[in-house]
PDB file of N, CA and C in Angstrom:
ATOM      1  N   ALA A   1      16.441   5.503 174.747  1.00  0.00           N
ATOM      2  CA  ALA A   1      16.141   4.040 174.411  1.00  0.00           C
ATOM      3  C   ALA A   1      17.526   3.736 175.171  1.00  0.00           C
ATOM      4  N   TYR A   2      16.911   2.824 176.089  1.00  0.00           N
ATOM      5  CA  TYR A   2      18.314   1.921 177.225  1.00  0.00           C
ATOM      6  C   TYR A   2      18.507   0.416 176.585  1.00  0.00           C
ATOM      7  N   THR A   3      19.546  -0.074 177.182  1.00  0.00           N
ATOM      8  CA  THR A   3      19.943  -1.481 177.175  1.00  0.00           C
ATOM      9  C   THR A   3      20.222  -1.440 178.931  1.00  0.00           C
ATOM     10  N   GLU A   4      20.196  -2.847 179.077  1.00  0.00           N
ATOM     11  CA  GLU A   4      21.166  -3.252 180.761  1.00  0.00           C
ATOM     12  C   GLU A   4      22.160  -4.292 180.530  1.00  0.00           C
ATOM     13  N   THR A   5      23.060  -4.289 181.291  1.00  0.00           N
ATOM     14  CA  THR A   5      23.917  -5.572 180.726  1.00  0.00           C
ATOM     15  C   THR A   5      23.310  -6.730 182.139  1.00  0.00           C
ATOM     16  N   PRO A   6      23.717  -7.693 181.692  1.00  0.00           N
ATOM     17  CA  PRO A   6      23.251  -8.978 182.706  1.00  0.00           C
ATOM     18  C   PRO A   6      23.991  -8.994 184.000  1.00  0.00           C
ATOM     19  N   PRO A   7      23.552  -9.498 185.011  1.00  0.00           N
ATOM     20  CA  PRO A   7      24.079  -8.743 186.506  1.00  0.00           C
ATOM     21  C   PRO A   7      25.378  -9.319 186.417  1.00  0.00           C
ATOM     22  N   TYR A   8      26.434  -8.499 186.678  1.00  0.00           N
ATOM     23  CA  TYR A   8      27.957  -9.169 186.931  1.00  0.00           C
ATOM     24  C   TYR A   8      28.755  -8.758 188.102  1.00  0.00           C
ATOM     25  N   GLY A   9      29.451  -9.054 188.710  1.00  0.00           N
ATOM     26  CA  GLY A   9      30.391  -8.724 189.829  1.00  0.00           C
ATOM     27  C   GLY A   9      29.218  -8.850 190.833  1.00  0.00           C
ATOM     28  N   ARG A  10      28.580  -7.921 191.880  1.00  0.00           N
ATOM     29  CA  ARG A  10      28.129  -8.678 193.006  1.00  0.00           C
ATOM     30  C   ARG A  10      26.405  -8.391 192.717  1.00  0.00           C
ATOM     31  N   GLY A  11      26.271  -9.079 191.515  1.00  0.00           N
ATOM     32  CA  GLY A  11      24.650  -8.699 191.433  1.00  0.00           C
ATOM     33  C   GLY A  11      24.443  -7.131 190.334  1.00  0.00           C
ATOM     34  N   LYS A  12      25.353  -6.348 190.448  1.00  0.00           N
ATOM     35  CA  LYS A  12      25.322  -5.198 189.541  1.00  0.00           C
ATOM     36  C   LYS A  12      24.836  -5.395 188.023  1.00  0.00           C
ATOM     37  N   VAL A  13      23.449  -4.428 188.068  1.00  0.00           N
ATOM     38  CA  VAL A  13      23.122  -4.285 186.472  1.00  0.00           C
ATOM     39  C   VAL A  13      23.599  -2.999 186.008  1.00  0.00           C
ATOM     40  N   ALA A  14      24.087  -2.719 184.909  1.00  0.00           N
ATOM     41  CA  ALA A  14      24.652  -1.545 184.348  1.00  0.00           C
ATOM     42  C   ALA A  14      23.310  -1.280 183.278  1.00  0.00           C
ATOM     43  N   ARG A  15      22.916  -0.095 183.329  1.00  0.00           N
ATOM     44  CA  ARG A  15      22.048   0.483 182.440  1.00  0.00           C
ATOM     45  C   ARG A  15      22.389   1.376 181.418  1.00  0.00           C
ATOM     46  N   TYR A  16      22.542   1.278 180.086  1.00  0.00           N
ATOM     47  CA  TYR A  16      22.950   2.386 179.150  1.00  0.00           C
ATOM     48  C   TYR A  16      21.842   3.165 178.272  1.00  0.00           C
ATOM     49  N   TYR A  17      22.455   4.248 178.031  1.00  0.00           N
ATOM     50  CA  TYR A  17      21.007   5.525 177.472  1.00  0.00           C
ATOM     51  C   TYR A  17      22.205   5.773 176.258  1.00  0.00           C
ATOM     52  N   VAL A  18      21.291   6.018 175.413  1.00  0.00           N
ATOM     53  CA  VAL A  18      21.886   6.742 173.962  1.00  0.00           C
ATOM     54  C   VAL A  18      21.515   8.344 173.996  1.00  0.00           C
ATOM     55  N   ALA A  19      22.387   9.015 173.905  1.00  0.00           N
ATOM     56  CA  ALA A  19      22.178  10.482 173.848  1.00  0.00           C
ATOM     57  C   ALA A  19      23.291  11.211 172.821  1.00  0.00           C
ATOM     58  N   GLU A  20      22.519  12.475 172.274  1.00  0.00           N
ATOM     59  CA  GLU A  20      23.760  12.882 171.817  1.00  0.00           C
ATOM     60  C   GLU A  20      23.918  14.301 172.271  1.00  0.00           C
ATOM     61  N   ALA A  21      25.523  14.561 172.394  1.00  0.00           N
ATOM     62  CA  ALA A  21      25.591  15.895 172.720  1.00  0.00           C
ATOM     63  C   ALA A  21      25.713  16.709 171.927  1.00  0.00           C
ATOM     64  N   PRO A  22      25.143  18.198 172.577  1.00  0.00           N
ATOM     65  CA  PRO A  22      25.366  19.261 171.074  1.00  0.00           C
ATOM     66  C   PRO A  22      26.568  19.653 171.075  1.00  0.00           C
ATOM     67  N   GLU A  23      27.593  19.740 171.618  1.00  0.00           N
ATOM     68  CA  GLU A  23      28.954  20.101 171.295  1.00  0.00           C
ATOM     69  C   GLU A  23      29.680  20.529 172.765  1.00  0.00           C
ATOM     70  N   GLY A  24      30.799  20.493 172.634  1.00  0.00           N
ATOM     71  CA  GLY A  24      31.973  20.545 173.539  1.00  0.00           C
ATOM     72  C   GLY A  24      32.625  19.355 173.805  1.00  0.00           C
ATOM     73  N   GLU A  25      33.592  19.442 174.949  1.00  0.00           N
ATOM     74  CA  GLU A  25      34.285  18.377 175.461  1.00  0.00           C
ATOM     75  C   GLU A  25      33.509  17.681 176.483  1.00  0.00           C
ATOM     76  N   PRO A  26      33.749  16.138 176.468  1.00  0.00           N
ATOM     77  CA  PRO A  26      33.173  15.730 177.463  1.00  0.00           C
ATOM     78  C   PRO A  26      33.817  16.118 178.613  1.00  0.00           C
ATOM     79  N   ARG A  27      33.422  15.942 179.863  1.00  0.00           N
ATOM     80  CA  ARG A  27      33.531  16.389 181.599  1.00  0.00           C
ATOM     81  C   ARG A  27      33.598  15.186 182.148  1.00  0.00           C
ATOM     82  N   LEU A  28      34.322  14.916 183.216  1.00  0.00           N
ATOM     83  CA  LEU A  28      34.551  13.723 184.222  1.00  0.00           C
ATOM     84  C   LEU A  28      34.732  14.415 185.292  1.00  0.00           C
ATOM     85  N   PRO A  29      33.517  14.779 186.227  1.00  0.00           N
ATOM     86  CA  PRO A  29      33.376  15.520 187.296  1.00  0.00           C
ATOM     87  C   PRO A  29      33.622  14.891 188.514  1.00  0.00           C
ATOM     88  N   VAL A  30      33.528  15.254 189.457  1.00  0.00           N
ATOM     89  CA  VAL A  30      34.155  14.923 190.610  1.00  0.00           C
ATOM     90  C   VAL A  30      32.797  14.575 191.193  1.00  0.00           C
ATOM     91  N   SER A  31      32.314  12.891 191.622  1.00  0.00           N
ATOM     92  CA  SER A  31      31.098  12.498 192.074  1.00  0.00           C
ATOM     93  C   SER A  31      31.229  12.892 193.403  1.00  0.00           C
ATOM     94  N   PRO A  32      29.927  13.485 194.489  1.00  0.00           N
ATOM     95  CA  PRO A  32      30.057  13.955 195.413  1.00  0.00           C
ATOM     96  C   PRO A  32      29.866  12.696 196.224  1.00  0.00           C
ATOM     97  N   GLU A  33      29.107  11.374 196.026  1.00  0.00           N
ATOM     98  CA  GLU A  33      28.822  10.122 196.936  1.00  0.00           C
ATOM     99  C   GLU A  33      30.662   9.627 196.927  1.00  0.00           C
ATOM    100  N   LEU A  34      31.510   9.962 196.036  1.00  0.00           N
ATOM    101  CA  LEU A  34      32.907   9.219 195.893  1.00  0.00           C
ATOM    102  C   LEU A  34      34.017  10.088 196.226  1.00  0.00           C
ATOM    103  N   GLY A  35      33.727  11.280 196.168  1.00  0.00           N
ATOM    104  CA  GLY A  35      34.735  12.234 196.210  1.00  0.00           C
ATOM    105  C   GLY A  35      35.942  12.529 195.186  1.00  0.00           C
ATOM    106  N   ARG A  36      35.642  11.957 194.452  1.00  0.00           N
ATOM    107  CA  ARG A  36      36.667  11.643 192.822  1.00  0.00           C
ATOM    108  C   ARG A  36      35.940  11.659 191.942  1.00  0.00           C
ATOM    109  N   PRO A  37      36.403  11.131 190.873  1.00  0.00           N
ATOM    110  CA  PRO A  37      35.535  11.362 189.450  1.00  0.00           C
ATOM    111  C   PRO A  37      35.583   9.997 189.456  1.00  0.00           C
ATOM    112  N   GLU A  38      34.130   9.320 188.777  1.00  0.00           N
ATOM    113  CA  GLU A  38      33.477   8.225 188.548  1.00  0.00           C
ATOM    114  C   GLU A  38      34.670   7.281 187.720  1.00  0.00           C
ATOM    115  N   HIS A  39      34.644   8.096 186.875  1.00  0.00           N
ATOM    116  CA  HIS A  39      35.757   7.551 185.587  1.00  0.00           C
ATOM    117  C   HIS A  39      37.017   8.578 185.343  1.00  0.00           C
ATOM    118  N   ASP A  40      38.047   8.062 184.612  1.00  0.00           N
ATOM    119  CA  ASP A  40      39.403   8.565 184.883  1.00  0.00           C
ATOM    120  C   ASP A  40      40.100   9.020 183.244  1.00  0.00           C
ATOM    121  N   GLU A  41      39.351   8.511 182.372  1.00  0.00           N
ATOM    122  CA  GLU A  41      39.780   8.880 181.214  1.00  0.00           C
ATOM    123  C   GLU A  41      38.610   8.575 179.914  1.00  0.00           C
ATOM    124  N   PHE A  42      38.821   9.219 179.157  1.00  0.00           N
ATOM    125  CA  PHE A  42      37.846   9.157 177.621  1.00  0.00           C
ATOM    126  C   PHE A  42      38.690   9.323 176.530  1.00  0.00           C
ATOM    127  N   ARG A  43      37.903   9.101 175.183  1.00  0.00           N
ATOM    128  CA  ARG A  43      38.684   9.041 174.044  1.00  0.00           C
ATOM    129  C   ARG A  43      37.610   8.740 172.969  1.00  0.00           C
ATOM    130  N   TRP A  44      38.274   9.592 172.014  1.00  0.00           N
ATOM    131  CA  TRP A  44      37.158   9.161 170.476  1.00  0.00           C
ATOM    132  C   TRP A  44      37.903   8.162 169.581  1.00  0.00           C
ATOM    133  N   VAL A  45      37.212   6.915 169.554  1.00  0.00           N
ATOM    134  CA  VAL A  45      37.470   5.931 168.860  1.00  0.00           C
ATOM    135  C   VAL A  45      36.428   5.596 167.867  1.00  0.00           C
ATOM    136  N   THR A  46      36.704   4.819 166.578  1.00  0.00           N
ATOM    137  CA  THR A  46      35.952   4.416 166.151  1.00  0.00           C
ATOM    138  C   THR A  46      34.899   3.127 166.443  1.00  0.00           C
ATOM    139  N   TYR A  47      34.170   2.859 165.848  1.00  0.00           N
ATOM    140  CA  TYR A  47      33.453   1.920 166.479  1.00  0.00           C
ATOM    141  C   TYR A  47      33.848   0.683 166.460  1.00  0.00           C
ATOM    142  N   ASP A  48      34.967  -0.099 165.341  1.00  0.00           N
ATOM    143  CA  ASP A  48      36.023  -1.012 165.445  1.00  0.00           C
ATOM    144  C   ASP A  48      37.284  -0.809 166.722  1.00  0.00           C
ATOM    145  N   GLU A  49      37.576   0.172 166.497  1.00  0.00           N
ATOM    146  CA  GLU A  49      38.728   0.340 167.658  1.00  0.00           C
ATOM    147  C   GLU A  49      37.582   0.069 169.086  1.00  0.00           C
ATOM    148  N   ALA A  50      36.730   0.704 169.267  1.00  0.00           N
ATOM    149  CA  ALA A  50      35.998   0.610 170.353  1.00  0.00           C
ATOM    150  C   ALA A  50      35.565  -0.778 170.978  1.00  0.00           C
ATOM    151  N   ARG A  51      35.529  -1.973 170.065  1.00  0.00           N
ATOM    152  CA  ARG A  51      34.480  -3.081 170.128  1.00  0.00           C
ATOM    153  C   ARG A  51      35.922  -3.849 170.276  1.00  0.00           C
ATOM    154  N   ALA A  52      37.483  -3.520 170.302  1.00  0.00           N
ATOM    155  CA  ALA A  52      38.463  -3.931 170.174  1.00  0.00           C
ATOM    156  C   ALA A  52      38.908  -4.154 171.466  1.00  0.00           C
ATOM    157  N   LEU A  53      38.309  -2.731 172.234  1.00  0.00           N
ATOM    158  CA  LEU A  53      38.571  -2.156 173.513  1.00  0.00           C
ATOM    159  C   LEU A  53      37.898  -2.846 174.657  1.00  0.00           C
ATOM    160  N   LEU A  54      36.621  -3.037 174.473  1.00  0.00           N
ATOM    161  CA  LEU A  54      35.523  -3.452 175.016  1.00  0.00           C
ATOM    162  C   LEU A  54      35.959  -5.239 175.642  1.00  0.00           C
ATOM    163  N   ASN A  55      35.235  -5.334 176.848  1.00  0.00           N
ATOM    164  CA  ASN A  55      35.199  -6.765 177.007  1.00  0.00           C
ATOM    165  C   ASN A  55      33.592  -7.287 176.420  1.00  0.00           C
ATOM    166  N   ASP A  56      33.177  -8.551 176.839  1.00  0.00           N
ATOM    167  CA  ASP A  56      32.122  -8.550 175.864  1.00  0.00           C
ATOM    168  C   ASP A  56      30.582  -8.035 176.749  1.00  0.00           C
ATOM    169  N   ARG A  57      30.676  -8.047 177.884  1.00  0.00           N
ATOM    170  CA  ARG A  57      29.423  -7.408 178.174  1.00  0.00           C
ATOM    171  C   ARG A  57      29.267  -5.898 177.796  1.00  0.00           C
ATOM    172  N   VAL A  58      30.174  -5.242 177.677  1.00  0.00           N
ATOM    173  CA  VAL A  58      29.941  -3.821 177.452  1.00  0.00           C
ATOM    174  C   VAL A  58      30.007  -3.658 175.960  1.00  0.00           C
ATOM    175  N   ARG A  59      30.842  -4.822 175.024  1.00  0.00           N
ATOM    176  CA  ARG A  59      30.615  -5.074 173.832  1.00  0.00           C
ATOM    177  C   ARG A  59      29.514  -4.891 173.135  1.00  0.00           C
ATOM    178  N   ALA A  60      28.586  -5.803 173.834  1.00  0.00           N
ATOM    179  CA  ALA A  60      26.922  -5.770 173.789  1.00  0.00           C
ATOM    180  C   ALA A  60      26.207  -4.727 173.425  1.00  0.00           C
ATOM    181  N   VAL A  61      26.556  -3.669 174.346  1.00  0.00           N
ATOM    182  CA  VAL A  61      25.972  -2.413 174.711  1.00  0.00           C
ATOM    183  C   VAL A  61      26.389  -1.705 173.456  1.00  0.00           C
ATOM    184  N   LEU A  62      27.821  -1.498 173.024  1.00  0.00           N
ATOM    185  CA  LEU A  62      28.182  -1.113 172.026  1.00  0.00           C
ATOM    186  C   LEU A  62      27.385  -1.406 170.832  1.00  0.00           C
ATOM    187  N   ASP A  63      27.615  -2.740 170.418  1.00  0.00           N
ATOM    188  CA  ASP A  63      26.591  -3.262 169.390  1.00  0.00           C
ATOM    189  C   ASP A  63      25.194  -2.901 169.109  1.00  0.00           C
ATOM    190  N   TRP A  64      24.550  -2.746 170.509  1.00  0.00           N
ATOM    191  CA  TRP A  64      23.425  -2.541 170.705  1.00  0.00           C
ATOM    192  C   TRP A  64      23.119  -0.912 169.945  1.00  0.00           C
ATOM    193  N   ALA A  65      24.034   0.146 170.745  1.00  0.00           N
ATOM    194  CA  ALA A  65      24.124   1.698 170.374  1.00  0.00           C
ATOM    195  C   ALA A  65      23.956   1.500 168.663  1.00  0.00           C
ATOM    196  N   HIS A  66      25.098   1.021 168.006  1.00  0.00           N
ATOM    197  CA  HIS A  66      25.564   0.769 166.721  1.00  0.00           C
ATOM    198  C   HIS A  66      24.080   0.277 166.110  1.00  0.00           C
ATOM    199  N   ALA A  67      23.580  -0.359 166.139  1.00  0.00           N
ATOM    200  CA  ALA A  67      22.352  -1.101 165.435  1.00  0.00           C
ATOM    201  C   ALA A  67      21.367  -0.040 165.589  1.00  0.00           C
ATOM    202  N   LEU A  68      21.400   0.726 167.013  1.00  0.00           N
ATOM    203  CA  LEU A  68      19.943   1.539 166.788  1.00  0.00           C
ATOM    204  C   LEU A  68      20.423   2.994 166.290  1.00  0.00           C
ATOM    205  N   THR A  69      21.974   3.452 166.043  1.00  0.00           N
ATOM    206  CA  THR A  69      22.152   4.831 165.492  1.00  0.00           C
ATOM    207  C   THR A  69      22.881   4.343 164.307  1.00  0.00           C
ATOM    208  N   GLY A  70      23.516   3.510 163.851  1.00  0.00           N
ATOM    209  CA  GLY A  70      24.255   3.560 162.746  1.00  0.00           C
ATOM    210  C   GLY A  70      25.523   3.998 162.921  1.00  0.00           C
ATOM    211  N   CYS A  71      25.742   4.588 164.047  1.00  0.00           N
ATOM    212  CA  CYS A  71      27.004   5.118 164.672  1.00  0.00           C
ATOM    213  C   CYS A  71      28.081   4.382 164.846  1.00  0.00           C
TER     214      CYS A  71
END
């Protein structure tokens, strides 16, 4: 399953998927296109903590994933 954001910035639309990782720590590898990691941070937070951290556009994605999974 996936959801998309409304267009933002220069018309970019971001698509988000729900997946479950089997185990292990997340990795933030170097993007070959950028020559650097696309993201520089991750952290484990509760649903409520995540809602407080996100802007409205990405908060809608979190709410969608929460409704879909109950997590």
